[in-house]
Amino acid sequence: MNKSIVHTDHSALTYLFAKKDAKARLLRWVLLLQEFDFKVLDTKGAENLAADHLSRLENPHENVLDPKEINEKFPLETLSMVTFRGDHCT
């Protein structure tokens, strides 16, 4: 498999892999991510042209639906319903 390169301005991600005494919760993430072959490069926001471009793309679905219309059609009575499935052999 080819090695992937991740360009990010999220310095905590770089810090995560460099830290040796991380908490158990963070170590689980490190172990999970070690299954993939990638390299993290710290690229500042203005220099990260791909991410900058993606953040400026227009959303073709923006303003397609009226939020008020969605809320009025949502069956509010279902919000208070609770169903339980479990073992009944106690």
Protein backbone atom coordinates (compact mmCIF):
# COMPACT_ATOMS: atom_id res chain seq x y z
CA MET A 1 0.00 0.00 0.00
CA ASN A 2 1.26 3.50 -0.76
CA LYS A 3 2.00 5.94 2.01
CA SER A 4 -0.47 8.82 2.23
CA ILE A 5 0.48 12.33 3.23
CA VAL A 6 -1.87 14.36 5.41
CA HIS A 7 -1.40 18.13 5.22
CA THR A 8 -3.01 19.74 8.25
CA ASP A 9 -2.86 22.88 10.33
CA HIS A 10 -4.18 20.88 13.28
CA SER A 11 -0.97 20.84 15.32
CA ALA A 12 -2.56 18.65 18.00
CA LEU A 13 -2.48 15.75 15.53
CA THR A 14 1.28 16.12 15.13
CA TYR A 15 1.62 16.47 18.91
CA LEU A 16 -0.40 13.29 19.46
CA PHE A 17 2.11 11.13 17.60
CA ALA A 18 5.12 12.76 19.27
CA LYS A 19 3.79 12.45 22.84
CA LYS A 20 5.05 9.36 24.66
CA ASP A 21 3.09 9.65 27.93
CA ALA A 22 -0.42 10.22 26.60
CA LYS A 23 -3.59 9.26 28.43
CA ALA A 24 -5.22 5.90 27.65
CA ARG A 25 -7.98 7.51 25.59
CA LEU A 26 -5.43 9.22 23.31
CA LEU A 27 -3.31 6.09 23.09
CA ARG A 28 -6.31 4.19 21.72
CA TRP A 29 -6.51 6.73 18.89
CA VAL A 30 -2.79 6.41 18.23
CA LEU A 31 -3.09 2.62 18.08
CA LEU A 32 -6.01 2.86 15.69
CA LEU A 33 -4.23 5.33 13.42
CA GLN A 34 -1.05 3.23 13.39
CA GLU A 35 -2.90 0.71 11.24
CA PHE A 36 -2.64 3.16 8.35
CA ASP A 37 0.50 4.13 6.48
CA PHE A 38 0.50 7.92 6.46
CA LYS A 39 2.70 10.87 7.27
CA VAL A 40 1.40 14.05 8.92
CA LEU A 41 2.82 17.34 7.66
CA ASP A 42 2.03 20.52 9.55
CA THR A 43 0.93 23.05 6.93
CA LYS A 44 -0.29 26.43 8.12
CA GLY A 45 -3.80 27.44 7.05
CA ALA A 46 -2.83 30.02 4.40
CA GLU A 47 -0.31 27.60 2.87
CA ASN A 48 -2.75 24.68 2.77
CA LEU A 49 -4.31 25.57 -0.57
CA ALA A 50 -6.42 22.43 -0.97
CA ALA A 51 -8.17 22.88 2.38
CA ASP A 52 -8.53 26.60 1.77
CA HIS A 53 -10.16 25.93 -1.60
CA LEU A 54 -12.53 23.29 -0.19
CA SER A 55 -13.63 25.63 2.60
CA ARG A 56 -14.59 28.26 0.01
CA LEU A 57 -16.64 26.03 -2.29
CA GLU A 58 -20.26 26.96 -2.70
CA ASN A 59 -22.79 24.51 -1.33
CA PRO A 60 -25.23 23.68 -4.17
CA HIS A 61 -27.76 22.44 -1.60
CA GLU A 62 -27.71 25.60 0.48
CA ASN A 63 -31.15 27.20 0.86
CA VAL A 64 -32.85 24.32 -0.97
CA LEU A 65 -35.16 23.54 1.93
CA ASP A 66 -36.77 25.99 4.28
CA PRO A 67 -35.83 25.04 7.89
CA LYS A 68 -39.27 26.19 9.06
CA GLU A 69 -40.89 23.77 6.61
CA ILE A 70 -38.82 20.87 7.95
CA ASN A 71 -39.70 21.65 11.59
CA GLU A 72 -43.42 21.91 10.89
CA LYS A 73 -43.54 18.53 9.18
CA PHE A 74 -41.52 16.72 11.84
CA PRO A 75 -43.78 14.56 14.04
CA LEU A 76 -43.06 16.04 17.45
CA GLU A 77 -45.08 13.39 19.26
CA THR A 78 -42.41 10.81 18.41
CA LEU A 79 -39.84 12.69 20.47
CA SER A 80 -41.45 11.60 23.73
CA MET A 81 -41.83 7.96 22.74
CA VAL A 82 -39.40 5.51 24.30
CA THR A 83 -38.96 1.92 23.23
CA PHE A 84 -36.96 -0.66 25.13
CA ARG A 85 -35.65 -3.97 23.87
CA GLY A 86 -33.77 -6.09 26.34
CA ASP A 87 -33.63 -9.39 28.09
CA HIS A 88 -36.89 -10.17 29.84
CA CYS A 89 -35.57 -13.28 31.59
CA THR A 90 -34.51 -11.82 34.94
